[in-house]
Amino acid sequence: MKITLAGVPGSGKSTLRKALATHFNLETKATGDFMRSKALEYGYHDITKFVKEYISQHPEIDREVDEAQKQFGQENDNFVLDAHIGFLFVPDSIKIFLQCDSEITAKRILAAKRATEAAQDLQSAIAANQTRIQTMRENFQKLYNVDMHDKNNFDFVLDTTHLTPKQVSQQVIEFIESQIS
């Protein structure tokens, strides 16, 4: 089984990835982990600045990540991939999109306290998220002529705004099980 997860930052992709991996006994990959690592490697302690200032000027980083996920999807069969445009590079996957209110995602990101999240308050977290989303959308539109948030690219879209992580995983697992039965 191949599952790709996409959605706005803070929508619950990482948490869902882990839950699906446990439930279905799948390997996991996350392009966000790679990008955060690259940001630190290039001296950025703010993932939004890295995406806006560096990635936008160096599309080879996106292409490197994208080629790796495409190859991973071709060489493996049992995984969940957390990648904004994984649907494009693993077309034979079950494609899930998580959406969420911008204030809730900002609160989740602030609570996670990741090393590459520079926002210190709710308003700056909301602004950073909006900047990151817009920049990634523009970058992927330029590189692949694809809108990473076009719901038509996905098999299942779930709004996680008012759901607990357990409710999110239950709903997604139910959907996946309906697809594989």
Protein backbone atom coordinates (compact mmCIF):
# COMPACT_ATOMS: atom_id res chain seq x y z
CA MET A 1 0.00 0.00 0.00
CA LYS A 2 1.27 3.45 -0.96
CA ILE A 3 -0.13 6.51 0.81
CA THR A 4 0.83 10.13 0.16
CA LEU A 5 -0.09 12.92 2.58
CA ALA A 6 -0.25 16.59 1.73
CA GLY A 7 -1.69 19.66 3.35
CA VAL A 8 -0.93 22.95 4.95
CA PRO A 9 1.88 23.17 7.52
CA GLY A 10 0.44 22.38 10.95
CA SER A 11 -2.55 20.43 9.64
CA GLY A 12 -1.41 17.19 11.28
CA LYS A 13 0.48 15.41 8.50
CA SER A 14 3.38 14.25 10.69
CA THR A 15 1.07 12.96 13.40
CA LEU A 16 -1.12 11.19 10.85
CA ARG A 17 1.93 9.74 9.08
CA LYS A 18 3.03 8.08 12.31
CA ALA A 19 -0.47 6.78 13.09
CA LEU A 20 -0.89 5.30 9.60
CA ALA A 21 2.55 3.73 9.71
CA THR A 22 1.73 2.06 13.01
CA HIS A 23 -1.77 0.96 11.99
CA PHE A 24 -0.82 -0.46 8.59
CA ASN A 25 2.79 -1.41 9.45
CA LEU A 26 4.28 0.92 6.83
CA GLU A 27 7.63 2.60 6.33
CA THR A 28 7.54 6.40 6.55
CA LYS A 29 9.21 9.23 4.68
CA ALA A 30 8.76 12.97 5.05
CA THR A 31 10.10 15.59 2.69
CA GLY A 32 9.63 18.22 5.41
CA ASP A 33 12.28 16.51 7.53
CA PHE A 34 14.69 16.66 4.60
CA MET A 35 13.91 20.35 3.98
CA ARG A 36 14.35 21.27 7.65
CA SER A 37 17.71 19.47 7.61
CA LYS A 38 18.72 21.32 4.44
CA ALA A 39 17.66 24.64 5.97
CA LEU A 40 19.98 24.11 8.91
CA GLU A 41 22.75 22.92 6.58
CA TYR A 42 22.49 26.21 4.69
CA GLY A 43 22.40 28.24 7.91
CA TYR A 44 18.67 28.96 8.05
CA HIS A 45 16.93 28.57 11.38
CA ASP A 46 13.62 29.63 9.87
CA ILE A 47 12.07 27.21 7.36
CA THR A 48 9.90 29.98 5.87
CA LYS A 49 12.92 32.15 5.09
CA PHE A 50 14.72 29.13 3.67
CA VAL A 51 11.82 28.35 1.33
CA LYS A 52 11.28 31.98 0.32
CA GLU A 53 14.89 33.19 0.09
CA TYR A 54 16.85 30.09 -0.85
CA ILE A 55 14.61 27.43 -2.40
CA SER A 56 12.89 29.94 -4.68
CA GLN A 57 16.31 30.82 -6.12
CA HIS A 58 17.64 27.24 -6.10
CA PRO A 59 15.00 24.95 -7.62
CA GLU A 60 17.58 22.17 -7.75
CA ILE A 61 16.82 21.53 -4.07
CA ASP A 62 13.13 20.94 -4.85
CA ARG A 63 14.07 18.79 -7.84
CA GLU A 64 16.45 16.72 -5.68
CA VAL A 65 13.68 16.11 -3.12
CA ASP A 66 11.14 15.38 -5.83
CA GLU A 67 13.35 12.94 -7.68
CA ALA A 68 14.06 11.11 -4.41
CA GLN A 69 10.35 10.74 -3.64
CA LYS A 70 9.62 9.58 -7.18
CA GLN A 71 12.36 6.95 -6.95
CA PHE A 72 11.20 5.92 -3.47
CA GLY A 73 7.65 5.47 -4.79
CA GLN A 74 8.85 3.33 -7.68
CA GLU A 75 11.11 1.11 -5.56
CA ASN A 76 8.83 0.56 -2.54
CA ASP A 77 5.33 -0.72 -1.96
CA ASN A 78 4.43 -0.30 1.70
CA PHE A 79 4.86 3.27 2.88
CA VAL A 80 3.31 6.54 3.86
CA LEU A 81 4.97 9.59 2.33
CA ASP A 82 4.42 13.05 3.81
CA ALA A 83 5.14 15.32 0.82
CA HIS A 84 3.34 18.38 -0.51
CA ILE A 85 3.33 17.07 -4.07
CA GLY A 86 3.78 13.37 -3.39
CA PHE A 87 0.56 12.82 -5.34
CA LEU A 88 2.43 13.90 -8.47
CA PHE A 89 5.48 11.69 -7.96
CA VAL A 90 3.69 8.62 -6.61
CA PRO A 91 0.59 8.58 -8.81
CA ASP A 92 -0.39 5.04 -7.77
CA SER A 93 -0.77 6.08 -4.12
CA ILE A 94 -3.83 6.74 -2.02
CA LYS A 95 -3.68 10.54 -1.90
CA ILE A 96 -4.77 12.33 1.28
CA PHE A 97 -4.96 16.10 1.83
CA LEU A 98 -5.33 17.75 5.25
CA GLN A 99 -6.64 21.28 5.48
CA CYS A 100 -6.98 23.38 8.61
CA ASP A 101 -7.77 26.87 9.81
CA SER A 102 -4.72 29.17 9.73
CA GLU A 103 -4.95 30.17 13.39
CA ILE A 104 -5.12 26.53 14.52
CA THR A 105 -2.15 25.53 12.34
CA ALA A 106 -0.13 28.43 13.73
CA LYS A 107 -0.93 27.36 17.29
CA ARG A 108 0.11 23.79 16.50
CA ILE A 109 3.38 24.93 14.95
CA LEU A 110 4.16 27.16 17.93
CA ALA A 111 3.44 24.28 20.31
CA ALA A 112 5.72 21.90 18.37
CA LYS A 113 8.73 24.20 18.88
CA ARG A 114 10.68 22.87 15.89
CA ALA A 115 14.24 24.13 15.51
CA THR A 116 13.47 25.69 12.13
CA GLU A 117 10.33 27.58 13.14
CA ALA A 118 11.27 31.15 14.01
CA ALA A 119 7.82 32.53 14.82
CA GLN A 120 7.46 33.51 18.46
CA ASP A 121 3.80 34.55 18.59
CA LEU A 122 0.51 33.69 16.95
CA GLN A 123 0.44 36.53 14.40
CA SER A 124 3.98 35.91 13.18
CA ALA A 125 3.26 32.16 12.96
CA ILE A 126 0.14 32.81 10.85
CA ALA A 127 2.08 35.18 8.58
CA ALA A 128 5.00 32.74 8.24
CA ASN A 129 2.65 29.89 7.35
CA GLN A 130 0.87 31.99 4.72
CA THR A 131 4.21 33.06 3.23
CA ARG A 132 5.50 29.48 3.17
CA ILE A 133 2.32 28.13 1.57
CA GLN A 134 2.24 30.86 -1.10
CA THR A 135 5.93 30.48 -1.90
CA MET A 136 5.71 26.69 -2.21
CA ARG A 137 2.60 26.98 -4.40
CA GLU A 138 4.41 29.44 -6.70
CA ASN A 139 7.56 27.29 -6.80
CA PHE A 140 5.66 24.09 -7.68
CA GLN A 141 3.56 25.96 -10.23
CA LYS A 142 6.77 27.16 -11.94
CA LEU A 143 8.54 23.81 -11.72
CA TYR A 144 5.71 21.40 -12.56
CA ASN A 145 2.67 23.48 -13.51
CA VAL A 146 0.75 21.97 -10.59
CA ASP A 147 -1.24 23.52 -7.76
CA MET A 148 -0.30 21.61 -4.63
CA HIS A 149 -3.65 22.47 -3.01
CA ASP A 150 -5.96 21.61 -5.89
CA LYS A 151 -8.34 19.18 -4.19
CA ASN A 152 -8.86 17.35 -7.50
CA ASN A 153 -5.38 15.84 -7.03
CA PHE A 154 -6.52 13.90 -3.95
CA ASP A 155 -8.67 10.91 -3.16
CA PHE A 156 -9.66 12.17 0.29
CA VAL A 157 -9.68 15.69 1.77
CA LEU A 158 -10.15 16.20 5.50
CA ASP A 159 -10.45 19.40 7.50
CA THR A 160 -8.59 18.79 10.78
CA THR A 161 -9.49 22.14 12.38
CA HIS A 162 -11.86 20.75 15.00
CA LEU A 163 -10.61 17.17 15.15
CA THR A 164 -8.30 15.45 17.59
CA PRO A 165 -5.36 13.49 16.17
CA LYS A 166 -7.24 10.29 17.03
CA GLN A 167 -10.33 11.45 15.12
CA VAL A 168 -8.18 12.39 12.12
CA SER A 169 -6.45 9.02 12.04
CA GLN A 170 -9.76 7.15 12.50
CA GLN A 171 -11.40 8.95 9.59
CA VAL A 172 -8.40 8.49 7.29
CA ILE A 173 -7.99 4.82 8.26
CA GLU A 174 -11.68 4.21 7.55
CA PHE A 175 -11.30 5.82 4.14
CA ILE A 176 -8.16 3.84 3.29
CA GLU A 177 -9.74 0.58 4.41
CA SER A 178 -12.75 1.30 2.19
CA GLN A 179 -10.38 1.79 -0.75
CA ILE A 180 -8.42 -1.43 -0.25
CA SER A 181 -11.34 -3.74 0.52
